[in-house]
Amino acid sequence: MGIAQYMAKEFMREISNRSKEFYEFILPPVDMVEDANDLVVMIDLPGFAKKDIKLRIVKNVLSISAKREETENIGTVYYKHRPIQIDKKIPLPIPVSDDDELIAGTAKYQDGVVTLKIPIPNSRNIPVT
C-alpha cells in the first residue's frame, strides 16, 4: 500500500469517527407532544434491547441512556454509523420545582421506539358543556 492510499484510508477513518461522534451527539431523534394531561415523549432507539435502555427524570431534565454490545465484523465493513452508546439529557417543557413529588411516567418500547408518558403536574382537562 502506497503512502497516498494509506493517508486516504486514515483520512476516511478519521471522518468516519468524527461523523459517528456527531451522530451520537444529535441522536436519538425525540418528539414531544402534549396529550390531554400527559407529556408524550417518543424516542427513536432502534437496535437497542429494552433491558439496555434507561430513562430518568430529575427536576425537569429527561436523561436517556442506552448501550449495546458492538457486533464483531464478519467480513468487510463498507459503512458503519449506528451508535453503540447514547447518553443524552433533554430539558422538559414541564415546570417542575424542588417541592414537587417525584415525577413518574410510563414507558413502552415497541418497534425501536420508546413512548414515554409523563403526567403534567397540576394539569387537568376542563370539560366544556
Protein backbone atom coordinates (compact mmCIF):
# COMPACT_ATOMS: atom_id res chain seq x y z
CA MET A 1 0.00 0.00 0.00
CA GLY A 2 1.43 3.34 -1.01
CA ILE A 3 1.61 6.42 1.16
CA ALA A 4 -1.28 8.07 -0.71
CA GLN A 5 -3.58 5.09 -0.19
CA TYR A 6 -2.58 4.87 3.47
CA MET A 7 -3.27 8.60 4.01
CA ALA A 8 -6.61 8.36 2.19
CA LYS A 9 -7.63 5.37 4.31
CA GLU A 10 -6.63 7.14 7.55
CA PHE A 11 -8.42 10.32 6.43
CA MET A 12 -11.63 8.38 5.77
CA ARG A 13 -11.33 6.61 9.13
CA GLU A 14 -11.00 9.97 10.89
CA ILE A 15 -14.02 11.37 9.04
CA SER A 16 -15.99 8.26 9.99
CA ASN A 17 -15.04 8.65 13.66
CA ARG A 18 -15.95 12.36 13.65
CA SER A 19 -19.28 11.77 11.94
CA LYS A 20 -20.04 8.97 14.40
CA GLU A 21 -19.37 11.39 17.29
CA PHE A 22 -21.67 13.94 15.63
CA TYR A 23 -24.48 11.43 15.17
CA GLU A 24 -24.14 10.26 18.77
CA PHE A 25 -24.37 13.92 19.84
CA ILE A 26 -27.60 14.61 17.94
CA LEU A 27 -29.17 11.18 18.39
CA PRO A 28 -31.66 9.95 19.31
CA PRO A 29 -34.46 11.72 17.45
CA VAL A 30 -37.04 12.85 20.01
CA ASP A 31 -40.59 14.18 19.59
CA MET A 32 -42.59 15.75 22.45
CA VAL A 33 -46.30 16.44 22.34
CA GLU A 34 -48.89 17.32 24.94
CA ASP A 35 -51.79 14.88 25.01
CA ALA A 36 -54.58 15.64 27.45
CA ASN A 37 -52.87 15.67 30.88
CA ASP A 38 -49.66 13.97 29.76
CA LEU A 39 -46.47 14.95 28.03
CA VAL A 40 -45.78 12.23 25.47
CA VAL A 41 -42.12 11.76 24.53
CA MET A 42 -41.26 9.48 21.59
CA ILE A 43 -37.61 8.44 21.38
CA ASP A 44 -36.20 6.52 18.40
CA LEU A 45 -33.81 3.84 19.67
CA PRO A 46 -33.75 1.12 17.01
CA GLY A 47 -31.35 -1.75 17.59
CA PHE A 48 -31.16 -1.34 21.35
CA ALA A 49 -32.55 -4.03 23.66
CA LYS A 50 -35.24 -2.94 26.11
CA LYS A 51 -33.06 -4.05 29.03
CA ASP A 52 -30.25 -1.72 27.89
CA ILE A 53 -32.38 1.46 27.84
CA LYS A 54 -32.51 3.62 30.95
CA LEU A 55 -34.73 6.68 31.38
CA ARG A 56 -34.62 9.04 34.34
CA ILE A 57 -36.24 12.36 35.20
CA VAL A 58 -34.58 14.72 37.64
CA LYS A 59 -36.27 18.09 38.11
CA ASN A 60 -37.25 18.98 34.54
CA VAL A 61 -34.48 17.06 32.72
CA LEU A 62 -35.02 13.72 30.98
CA SER A 63 -31.89 11.56 30.84
CA ILE A 64 -31.75 8.91 28.12
CA SER A 65 -29.03 6.26 28.31
CA ALA A 66 -28.68 3.24 26.06
CA LYS A 67 -25.75 0.98 25.32
CA ARG A 68 -25.41 -2.07 23.13
CA GLU A 69 -22.66 -4.54 22.53
CA GLU A 70 -20.60 -3.84 19.44
CA THR A 71 -21.01 -6.58 16.90
CA GLU A 72 -17.92 -8.27 15.61
CA ASN A 73 -17.03 -7.68 12.00
CA ILE A 74 -17.98 -10.55 9.75
CA GLY A 75 -16.12 -9.69 6.61
CA THR A 76 -15.53 -6.31 5.02
CA VAL A 77 -17.35 -3.35 6.59
CA TYR A 78 -18.32 -0.74 4.00
CA TYR A 79 -20.38 1.60 6.14
CA LYS A 80 -21.00 1.64 9.89
CA HIS A 81 -22.69 4.56 11.65
CA ARG A 82 -25.12 3.05 14.13
CA PRO A 83 -24.32 4.38 17.60
CA ILE A 84 -23.17 1.93 20.23
CA GLN A 85 -23.96 4.23 23.12
CA ILE A 86 -26.38 7.10 23.67
CA ASP A 87 -26.28 9.43 26.65
CA LYS A 88 -28.49 12.47 26.23
CA LYS A 89 -30.17 14.95 28.52
CA ILE A 90 -33.21 16.86 27.31
CA PRO A 91 -34.99 19.67 29.18
CA LEU A 92 -38.70 19.02 29.53
CA PRO A 93 -41.26 21.76 28.95
CA ILE A 94 -42.95 20.83 32.24
CA PRO A 95 -42.44 23.24 35.13
CA VAL A 96 -41.00 21.21 38.00
CA SER A 97 -39.91 22.66 41.31
CA ASP A 98 -37.98 21.14 44.21
CA ASP A 99 -41.23 20.90 46.18
CA ASP A 100 -42.92 18.63 43.64
CA GLU A 101 -43.12 14.95 44.32
CA LEU A 102 -41.10 12.52 42.29
CA ILE A 103 -42.23 12.72 38.69
CA ALA A 104 -43.14 9.31 37.38
CA GLY A 105 -44.14 8.18 33.97
CA THR A 106 -44.79 5.05 31.99
CA ALA A 107 -42.66 3.88 29.11
CA LYS A 108 -43.24 1.30 26.39
CA TYR A 109 -40.69 0.06 23.87
CA GLN A 110 -42.05 -1.21 20.58
CA ASP A 111 -40.56 -1.38 17.08
CA GLY A 112 -37.47 0.59 18.11
CA VAL A 113 -39.42 3.49 19.62
CA VAL A 114 -39.77 4.30 23.32
CA THR A 115 -43.03 6.07 24.11
CA LEU A 116 -42.86 7.79 27.47
CA LYS A 117 -45.95 9.35 29.08
CA ILE A 118 -45.29 11.83 31.85
CA PRO A 119 -48.22 13.29 33.80
CA ILE A 120 -48.21 17.08 33.70
CA PRO A 121 -48.35 18.34 37.31
CA ASN A 122 -51.43 20.32 38.28
CA SER A 123 -52.97 19.80 34.85
CA ARG A 124 -56.49 18.63 34.23
CA ASN A 125 -58.72 18.86 31.22
CA ILE A 126 -61.72 21.06 31.79
CA PRO A 127 -64.84 19.69 30.16
CA VAL A 128 -66.82 22.19 28.16
CA THR A 129 -70.59 21.71 28.37
